[in-house]
Amino acid sequence: MATGGSNCNCNNQDGGAKKRKKATTTKKRKISDYNKFMKTEIKKVKKDDPKLSHQQAFKKAAGNWSKTKK
């Protein structure tokens, strides 16, 4: 007969995967030309049309990037 208990050891916190510490000496990457452009362009687009959502402004700014690179 079953005793009503569980043998899953759910309360046992000793086992399992150990967490790795992140390296604190990682080098930051140089900001790409695209990222620089998008940072300023989204501000311009939002200034021209403040009612745009961020997603719409991002799409418009990305379209402006493709126009400037041709």
PDB file of N, CA and C in Angstrom:
ATOM      1  N   MET A   1       0.830  -1.180   0.000  1.00  0.00           N
ATOM      2  CA  MET A   1       0.000   0.000   0.000  1.00  0.00           C
ATOM      3  C   MET A   1       0.872   1.240   0.000  1.00  0.00           C
ATOM      4  N   ALA A   2       0.349   2.277  -0.577  1.00  0.00           N
ATOM      5  CA  ALA A   2       1.075   3.545  -0.630  1.00  0.00           C
ATOM      6  C   ALA A   2       0.992   4.231   0.721  1.00  0.00           C
ATOM      7  N   THR A   3       2.065   4.891   1.067  1.00  0.00           N
ATOM      8  CA  THR A   3       2.102   5.577   2.355  1.00  0.00           C
ATOM      9  C   THR A   3       1.616   7.016   2.244  1.00  0.00           C
ATOM     10  N   GLY A   4       1.402   7.517   1.044  1.00  0.00           N
ATOM     11  CA  GLY A   4       0.926   8.880   0.854  1.00  0.00           C
ATOM     12  C   GLY A   4       2.055   9.880   0.705  1.00  0.00           C
ATOM     13  N   GLY A   5       3.290   9.455   0.937  1.00  0.00           N
ATOM     14  CA  GLY A   5       4.438  10.356   0.820  1.00  0.00           C
ATOM     15  C   GLY A   5       5.026  10.309  -0.565  1.00  0.00           C
ATOM     16  N   SER A   6       5.945  11.190  -0.815  1.00  0.00           N
ATOM     17  CA  SER A   6       6.608  11.255  -2.111  1.00  0.00           C
ATOM     18  C   SER A   6       8.093  10.999  -1.924  1.00  0.00           C
ATOM     19  N   ASN A   7       8.673  10.292  -2.852  1.00  0.00           N
ATOM     20  CA  ASN A   7      10.098  10.002  -2.789  1.00  0.00           C
ATOM     21  C   ASN A   7      10.897  10.861  -3.764  1.00  0.00           C
ATOM     22  N   CYS A   8      10.380  12.015  -4.134  1.00  0.00           N
ATOM     23  CA  CYS A   8      11.048  12.814  -5.166  1.00  0.00           C
ATOM     24  C   CYS A   8      12.147  13.707  -4.621  1.00  0.00           C
ATOM     25  N   ASN A   9      12.268  13.830  -3.322  1.00  0.00           N
ATOM     26  CA  ASN A   9      13.276  14.690  -2.700  1.00  0.00           C
ATOM     27  C   ASN A   9      13.183  16.135  -3.205  1.00  0.00           C
ATOM     28  N   CYS A  10      11.986  16.648  -3.327  1.00  0.00           N
ATOM     29  CA  CYS A  10      11.767  17.999  -3.835  1.00  0.00           C
ATOM     30  C   CYS A  10      12.372  19.062  -2.930  1.00  0.00           C
ATOM     31  N   ASN A  11      12.505  18.797  -1.670  1.00  0.00           N
ATOM     32  CA  ASN A  11      13.030  19.782  -0.746  1.00  0.00           C
ATOM     33  C   ASN A  11      14.556  19.736  -0.646  1.00  0.00           C
ATOM     34  N   ASN A  12      15.172  18.809  -1.325  1.00  0.00           N
ATOM     35  CA  ASN A  12      16.621  18.671  -1.283  1.00  0.00           C
ATOM     36  C   ASN A  12      17.248  19.726  -2.194  1.00  0.00           C
ATOM     37  N   GLN A  13      17.928  20.714  -1.633  1.00  0.00           N
ATOM     38  CA  GLN A  13      18.509  21.800  -2.401  1.00  0.00           C
ATOM     39  C   GLN A  13      20.006  21.613  -2.638  1.00  0.00           C
ATOM     40  N   ASP A  14      20.580  20.521  -2.221  1.00  0.00           N
ATOM     41  CA  ASP A  14      22.029  20.317  -2.331  1.00  0.00           C
ATOM     42  C   ASP A  14      22.474  19.963  -3.739  1.00  0.00           C
ATOM     43  N   GLY A  15      21.653  19.257  -4.490  1.00  0.00           N
ATOM     44  CA  GLY A  15      22.061  18.771  -5.806  1.00  0.00           C
ATOM     45  C   GLY A  15      21.760  19.766  -6.900  1.00  0.00           C
ATOM     46  N   GLY A  16      21.987  19.367  -8.124  1.00  0.00           N
ATOM     47  CA  GLY A  16      21.658  20.197  -9.263  1.00  0.00           C
ATOM     48  C   GLY A  16      22.875  20.853  -9.872  1.00  0.00           C
ATOM     49  N   ALA A  17      22.625  21.593 -10.919  1.00  0.00           N
ATOM     50  CA  ALA A  17      23.715  22.249 -11.645  1.00  0.00           C
ATOM     51  C   ALA A  17      24.226  23.443 -10.855  1.00  0.00           C
ATOM     52  N   LYS A  18      25.507  23.635 -10.918  1.00  0.00           N
ATOM     53  CA  LYS A  18      26.130  24.769 -10.239  1.00  0.00           C
ATOM     54  C   LYS A  18      26.174  25.955 -11.207  1.00  0.00           C
ATOM     55  N   LYS A  19      25.983  27.145 -10.677  1.00  0.00           N
ATOM     56  CA  LYS A  19      26.022  28.341 -11.504  1.00  0.00           C
ATOM     57  C   LYS A  19      27.464  28.766 -11.724  1.00  0.00           C
ATOM     58  N   ARG A  20      27.739  29.215 -12.943  1.00  0.00           N
ATOM     59  CA  ARG A  20      29.067  29.723 -13.263  1.00  0.00           C
ATOM     60  C   ARG A  20      29.068  31.231 -13.067  1.00  0.00           C
ATOM     61  N   LYS A  21      30.169  31.737 -12.605  1.00  0.00           N
ATOM     62  CA  LYS A  21      30.311  33.177 -12.475  1.00  0.00           C
ATOM     63  C   LYS A  21      30.740  33.748 -13.818  1.00  0.00           C
ATOM     64  N   LYS A  22      30.183  34.913 -14.165  1.00  0.00           N
ATOM     65  CA  LYS A  22      30.561  35.566 -15.408  1.00  0.00           C
ATOM     66  C   LYS A  22      31.920  36.219 -15.243  1.00  0.00           C
ATOM     67  N   ALA A  23      32.647  36.238 -16.305  1.00  0.00           N
ATOM     68  CA  ALA A  23      33.951  36.899 -16.289  1.00  0.00           C
ATOM     69  C   ALA A  23      33.714  38.405 -16.212  1.00  0.00           C
ATOM     70  N   THR A  24      34.351  39.065 -15.289  1.00  0.00           N
ATOM     71  CA  THR A  24      34.131  40.495 -15.103  1.00  0.00           C
ATOM     72  C   THR A  24      35.071  41.335 -15.950  1.00  0.00           C
ATOM     73  N   THR A  25      35.991  40.715 -16.629  1.00  0.00           N
ATOM     74  CA  THR A  25      36.958  41.453 -17.429  1.00  0.00           C
ATOM     75  C   THR A  25      36.659  41.365 -18.921  1.00  0.00           C
ATOM     76  N   THR A  26      35.383  41.335 -19.289  1.00  0.00           N
ATOM     77  CA  THR A  26      35.039  41.265 -20.699  1.00  0.00           C
ATOM     78  C   THR A  26      35.208  42.638 -21.332  1.00  0.00           C
ATOM     79  N   LYS A  27      35.677  42.641 -22.570  1.00  0.00           N
ATOM     80  CA  LYS A  27      35.874  43.890 -23.290  1.00  0.00           C
ATOM     81  C   LYS A  27      34.574  44.293 -23.961  1.00  0.00           C
ATOM     82  N   LYS A  28      34.281  45.582 -23.916  1.00  0.00           N
ATOM     83  CA  LYS A  28      33.095  46.079 -24.605  1.00  0.00           C
ATOM     84  C   LYS A  28      33.424  46.269 -26.075  1.00  0.00           C
ATOM     85  N   ARG A  29      32.447  45.966 -26.908  1.00  0.00           N
ATOM     86  CA  ARG A  29      32.636  46.123 -28.338  1.00  0.00           C
ATOM     87  C   ARG A  29      32.467  47.578 -28.739  1.00  0.00           C
ATOM     88  N   LYS A  30      33.088  47.927 -29.836  1.00  0.00           N
ATOM     89  CA  LYS A  30      32.934  49.253 -30.399  1.00  0.00           C
ATOM     90  C   LYS A  30      31.525  49.343 -30.991  1.00  0.00           C
ATOM     91  N   ILE A  31      30.871  50.472 -30.799  1.00  0.00           N
ATOM     92  CA  ILE A  31      29.518  50.646 -31.329  1.00  0.00           C
ATOM     93  C   ILE A  31      29.602  50.750 -32.854  1.00  0.00           C
ATOM     94  N   SER A  32      28.778  49.975 -33.525  1.00  0.00           N
ATOM     95  CA  SER A  32      28.814  49.958 -34.988  1.00  0.00           C
ATOM     96  C   SER A  32      28.207  51.249 -35.548  1.00  0.00           C
ATOM     97  N   ASP A  33      28.511  51.519 -36.801  1.00  0.00           N
ATOM     98  CA  ASP A  33      27.958  52.697 -37.471  1.00  0.00           C
ATOM     99  C   ASP A  33      26.430  52.626 -37.497  1.00  0.00           C
ATOM    100  N   TYR A  34      25.910  51.430 -37.706  1.00  0.00           N
ATOM    101  CA  TYR A  34      24.452  51.237 -37.731  1.00  0.00           C
ATOM    102  C   TYR A  34      23.839  51.603 -36.388  1.00  0.00           C
ATOM    103  N   ASN A  35      24.439  51.136 -35.304  1.00  0.00           N
ATOM    104  CA  ASN A  35      23.898  51.430 -33.978  1.00  0.00           C
ATOM    105  C   ASN A  35      23.967  52.921 -33.669  1.00  0.00           C
ATOM    106  N   LYS A  36      25.052  53.572 -34.055  1.00  0.00           N
ATOM    107  CA  LYS A  36      25.161  55.026 -33.863  1.00  0.00           C
ATOM    108  C   LYS A  36      24.065  55.745 -34.636  1.00  0.00           C
ATOM    109  N   PHE A  37      23.885  55.333 -35.899  1.00  0.00           N
ATOM    110  CA  PHE A  37      22.872  55.951 -36.742  1.00  0.00           C
ATOM    111  C   PHE A  37      21.479  55.758 -36.148  1.00  0.00           C
ATOM    112  N   MET A  38      21.176  54.531 -35.745  1.00  0.00           N
ATOM    113  CA  MET A  38      19.834  54.234 -35.225  1.00  0.00           C
ATOM    114  C   MET A  38      19.549  55.011 -33.947  1.00  0.00           C
ATOM    115  N   LYS A  39      20.546  55.166 -33.112  1.00  0.00           N
ATOM    116  CA  LYS A  39      20.357  55.892 -31.854  1.00  0.00           C
ATOM    117  C   LYS A  39      19.907  57.333 -32.118  1.00  0.00           C
ATOM    118  N   THR A  40      20.549  57.984 -33.066  1.00  0.00           N
ATOM    119  CA  THR A  40      20.180  59.366 -33.366  1.00  0.00           C
ATOM    120  C   THR A  40      18.944  59.444 -34.260  1.00  0.00           C
ATOM    121  N   GLU A  41      18.823  58.519 -35.181  1.00  0.00           N
ATOM    122  CA  GLU A  41      17.724  58.567 -36.151  1.00  0.00           C
ATOM    123  C   GLU A  41      16.372  58.320 -35.492  1.00  0.00           C
ATOM    124  N   ILE A  42      16.305  57.421 -34.537  1.00  0.00           N
ATOM    125  CA  ILE A  42      15.039  57.160 -33.847  1.00  0.00           C
ATOM    126  C   ILE A  42      14.585  58.418 -33.115  1.00  0.00           C
ATOM    127  N   LYS A  43      15.531  59.139 -32.521  1.00  0.00           N
ATOM    128  CA  LYS A  43      15.178  60.398 -31.846  1.00  0.00           C
ATOM    129  C   LYS A  43      14.611  61.398 -32.844  1.00  0.00           C
ATOM    130  N   LYS A  44      15.229  61.498 -34.037  1.00  0.00           N
ATOM    131  CA  LYS A  44      14.744  62.418 -35.065  1.00  0.00           C
ATOM    132  C   LYS A  44      13.342  62.035 -35.537  1.00  0.00           C
ATOM    133  N   VAL A  45      13.148  60.747 -35.788  1.00  0.00           N
ATOM    134  CA  VAL A  45      11.855  60.266 -36.281  1.00  0.00           C
ATOM    135  C   VAL A  45      10.769  60.519 -35.234  1.00  0.00           C
ATOM    136  N   LYS A  46      11.062  60.244 -33.965  1.00  0.00           N
ATOM    137  CA  LYS A  46      10.086  60.465 -32.890  1.00  0.00           C
ATOM    138  C   LYS A  46       9.804  61.963 -32.714  1.00  0.00           C
ATOM    139  N   LYS A  47      10.814  62.803 -32.947  1.00  0.00           N
ATOM    140  CA  LYS A  47      10.623  64.243 -32.828  1.00  0.00           C
ATOM    141  C   LYS A  47       9.692  64.737 -33.940  1.00  0.00           C
ATOM    142  N   ASP A  48       9.866  64.197 -35.161  1.00  0.00           N
ATOM    143  CA  ASP A  48       9.022  64.569 -36.290  1.00  0.00           C
ATOM    144  C   ASP A  48       7.588  64.073 -36.117  1.00  0.00           C
ATOM    145  N   ASP A  49       7.421  62.901 -35.541  1.00  0.00           N
ATOM    146  CA  ASP A  49       6.086  62.321 -35.353  1.00  0.00           C
ATOM    147  C   ASP A  49       6.024  61.615 -33.995  1.00  0.00           C
ATOM    148  N   PRO A  50       5.721  62.363 -32.923  1.00  0.00           N
ATOM    149  CA  PRO A  50       5.745  61.796 -31.565  1.00  0.00           C
ATOM    150  C   PRO A  50       4.696  60.714 -31.307  1.00  0.00           C
ATOM    151  N   LYS A  51       3.706  60.606 -32.170  1.00  0.00           N
ATOM    152  CA  LYS A  51       2.648  59.615 -31.956  1.00  0.00           C
ATOM    153  C   LYS A  51       3.053  58.208 -32.399  1.00  0.00           C
ATOM    154  N   LEU A  52       4.171  58.104 -33.101  1.00  0.00           N
ATOM    155  CA  LEU A  52       4.628  56.784 -33.556  1.00  0.00           C
ATOM    156  C   LEU A  52       5.046  55.927 -32.369  1.00  0.00           C
ATOM    157  N   SER A  53       4.728  54.641 -32.464  1.00  0.00           N
ATOM    158  CA  SER A  53       5.230  53.706 -31.458  1.00  0.00           C
ATOM    159  C   SER A  53       6.717  53.498 -31.708  1.00  0.00           C
ATOM    160  N   HIS A  54       7.395  52.925 -30.738  1.00  0.00           N
ATOM    161  CA  HIS A  54       8.832  52.673 -30.900  1.00  0.00           C
ATOM    162  C   HIS A  54       9.080  51.737 -32.080  1.00  0.00           C
ATOM    163  N   GLN A  55       8.220  50.749 -32.228  1.00  0.00           N
ATOM    164  CA  GLN A  55       8.384  49.789 -33.322  1.00  0.00           C
ATOM    165  C   GLN A  55       8.260  50.484 -34.679  1.00  0.00           C
ATOM    166  N   GLN A  56       7.264  51.357 -34.810  1.00  0.00           N
ATOM    167  CA  GLN A  56       7.081  52.072 -36.071  1.00  0.00           C
ATOM    168  C   GLN A  56       8.241  53.017 -36.342  1.00  0.00           C
ATOM    169  N   ALA A  57       8.707  53.704 -35.298  1.00  0.00           N
ATOM    170  CA  ALA A  57       9.841  54.618 -35.448  1.00  0.00           C
ATOM    171  C   ALA A  57      11.091  53.842 -35.842  1.00  0.00           C
ATOM    172  N   PHE A  58      11.284  52.671 -35.271  1.00  0.00           N
ATOM    173  CA  PHE A  58      12.443  51.844 -35.583  1.00  0.00           C
ATOM    174  C   PHE A  58      12.403  51.408 -37.047  1.00  0.00           C
ATOM    175  N   LYS A  59      11.226  51.009 -37.519  1.00  0.00           N
ATOM    176  CA  LYS A  59      11.098  50.599 -38.921  1.00  0.00           C
ATOM    177  C   LYS A  59      11.423  51.755 -39.860  1.00  0.00           C
ATOM    178  N   LYS A  60      10.918  52.933 -39.511  1.00  0.00           N
ATOM    179  CA  LYS A  60      11.166  54.103 -40.355  1.00  0.00           C
ATOM    180  C   LYS A  60      12.653  54.473 -40.350  1.00  0.00           C
ATOM    181  N   ALA A  61      13.274  54.424 -39.184  1.00  0.00           N
ATOM    182  CA  ALA A  61      14.703  54.730 -39.063  1.00  0.00           C
ATOM    183  C   ALA A  61      15.538  53.707 -39.827  1.00  0.00           C
ATOM    184  N   ALA A  62      15.154  52.438 -39.760  1.00  0.00           N
ATOM    185  CA  ALA A  62      15.881  51.393 -40.490  1.00  0.00           C
ATOM    186  C   ALA A  62      15.751  51.617 -42.001  1.00  0.00           C
ATOM    187  N   GLY A  63      14.590  52.058 -42.434  1.00  0.00           N
ATOM    188  CA  GLY A  63      14.407  52.394 -43.851  1.00  0.00           C
ATOM    189  C   GLY A  63      15.293  53.559 -44.259  1.00  0.00           C
ATOM    190  N   ASN A  64      15.446  54.532 -43.360  1.00  0.00           N
ATOM    191  CA  ASN A  64      16.321  55.674 -43.635  1.00  0.00           C
ATOM    192  C   ASN A  64      17.779  55.222 -43.725  1.00  0.00           C
ATOM    193  N   TRP A  65      18.163  54.238 -42.930  1.00  0.00           N
ATOM    194  CA  TRP A  65      19.529  53.690 -42.989  1.00  0.00           C
ATOM    195  C   TRP A  65      19.793  53.092 -44.360  1.00  0.00           C
ATOM    196  N   SER A  66      18.838  52.324 -44.859  1.00  0.00           N
ATOM    197  CA  SER A  66      19.047  51.670 -46.160  1.00  0.00           C
ATOM    198  C   SER A  66      19.130  52.708 -47.276  1.00  0.00           C
ATOM    199  N   LYS A  67      18.429  53.836 -47.120  1.00  0.00           N
ATOM    200  CA  LYS A  67      18.490  54.893 -48.133  1.00  0.00           C
ATOM    201  C   LYS A  67      19.834  55.622 -48.110  1.00  0.00           C
ATOM    202  N   THR A  68      20.394  55.817 -46.915  1.00  0.00           N
ATOM    203  CA  THR A  68      21.641  56.566 -46.797  1.00  0.00           C
ATOM    204  C   THR A  68      22.844  55.744 -47.250  1.00  0.00           C
ATOM    205  N   LYS A  69      22.772  54.438 -47.204  1.00  0.00           N
ATOM    206  CA  LYS A  69      23.906  53.578 -47.548  1.00  0.00           C
ATOM    207  C   LYS A  69      23.989  53.284 -49.050  1.00  0.00           C
ATOM    208  N   LYS A  70      23.026  53.712 -49.833  1.00  0.00           N
ATOM    209  CA  LYS A  70      23.059  53.420 -51.276  1.00  0.00           C
ATOM    210  C   LYS A  70      23.887  54.408 -52.029  1.00  0.00           C
TER     211      LYS A  70
END
